């Protein structure tokens, strides 16, 4: 079994959380951007 450091686990968790938030917020950001561009 591979030994994984705490920092690796934390950065992986932060990355996964960031991906989830990006998927959640991207449609709203696109909507706002389109509203301001037009």
C-alpha atoms as a PDB file:
ATOM      1  CA  UNK A   1       0.000   0.000   0.000  1.00  0.00           C
ATOM      2  CA  UNK A   2       1.263   3.447  -0.884  1.00  0.00           C
ATOM      3  CA  UNK A   3       1.976   5.848   1.914  1.00  0.00           C
ATOM      4  CA  UNK A   4       0.272   9.170   1.319  1.00  0.00           C
ATOM      5  CA  UNK A   5       1.203  12.314   3.203  1.00  0.00           C
ATOM      6  CA  UNK A   6      -1.373  14.511   4.907  1.00  0.00           C
ATOM      7  CA  UNK A   7      -0.584  17.385   2.563  1.00  0.00           C
ATOM      8  CA  UNK A   8      -1.266  15.165  -0.457  1.00  0.00           C
ATOM      9  CA  UNK A   9      -4.616  14.158   1.008  1.00  0.00           C
ATOM     10  CA  UNK A  10      -5.496  17.748   1.800  1.00  0.00           C
ATOM     11  CA  UNK A  11      -4.542  19.038  -1.634  1.00  0.00           C
ATOM     12  CA  UNK A  12      -6.478  16.229  -3.322  1.00  0.00           C
ATOM     13  CA  UNK A  13      -9.531  16.974  -1.181  1.00  0.00           C
ATOM     14  CA  UNK A  14      -9.246  20.700  -1.892  1.00  0.00           C
ATOM     15  CA  UNK A  15      -8.938  19.962  -5.612  1.00  0.00           C
ATOM     16  CA  UNK A  16     -12.009  17.701  -5.585  1.00  0.00           C
ATOM     17  CA  UNK A  17     -13.985  20.302  -3.650  1.00  0.00           C
ATOM     18  CA  UNK A  18     -12.890  22.979  -6.105  1.00  0.00           C
ATOM     19  CA  UNK A  19     -14.064  20.835  -9.014  1.00  0.00           C
ATOM     20  CA  UNK A  20     -17.465  20.317  -7.379  1.00  0.00           C
ATOM     21  CA  UNK A  21     -17.834  24.050  -6.715  1.00  0.00           C
ATOM     22  CA  UNK A  22     -16.759  24.873 -10.260  1.00  0.00           C
ATOM     23  CA  UNK A  23     -19.451  22.596 -11.683  1.00  0.00           C
ATOM     24  CA  UNK A  24     -22.008  24.180  -9.369  1.00  0.00           C
ATOM     25  CA  UNK A  25     -21.076  27.805 -10.020  1.00  0.00           C
ATOM     26  CA  UNK A  26     -20.091  27.708 -13.695  1.00  0.00           C
ATOM     27  CA  UNK A  27     -23.690  27.970 -15.015  1.00  0.00           C
ATOM     28  CA  UNK A  28     -24.356  30.964 -12.756  1.00  0.00           C
ATOM     29  CA  UNK A  29     -21.138  32.656 -13.838  1.00  0.00           C
ATOM     30  CA  UNK A  30     -21.958  32.093 -17.511  1.00  0.00           C
ATOM     31  CA  UNK A  31     -25.465  33.440 -16.949  1.00  0.00           C
ATOM     32  CA  UNK A  32     -24.132  36.595 -15.272  1.00  0.00           C
ATOM     33  CA  UNK A  33     -21.491  37.077 -17.946  1.00  0.00           C
ATOM     34  CA  UNK A  34     -24.043  36.752 -20.745  1.00  0.00           C
ATOM     35  CA  UNK A  35     -26.345  39.212 -18.998  1.00  0.00           C
ATOM     36  CA  UNK A  36     -23.581  41.833 -18.785  1.00  0.00           C
ATOM     37  CA  UNK A  37     -22.288  41.261 -22.300  1.00  0.00           C
ATOM     38  CA  UNK A  38     -25.653  41.714 -24.031  1.00  0.00           C
END
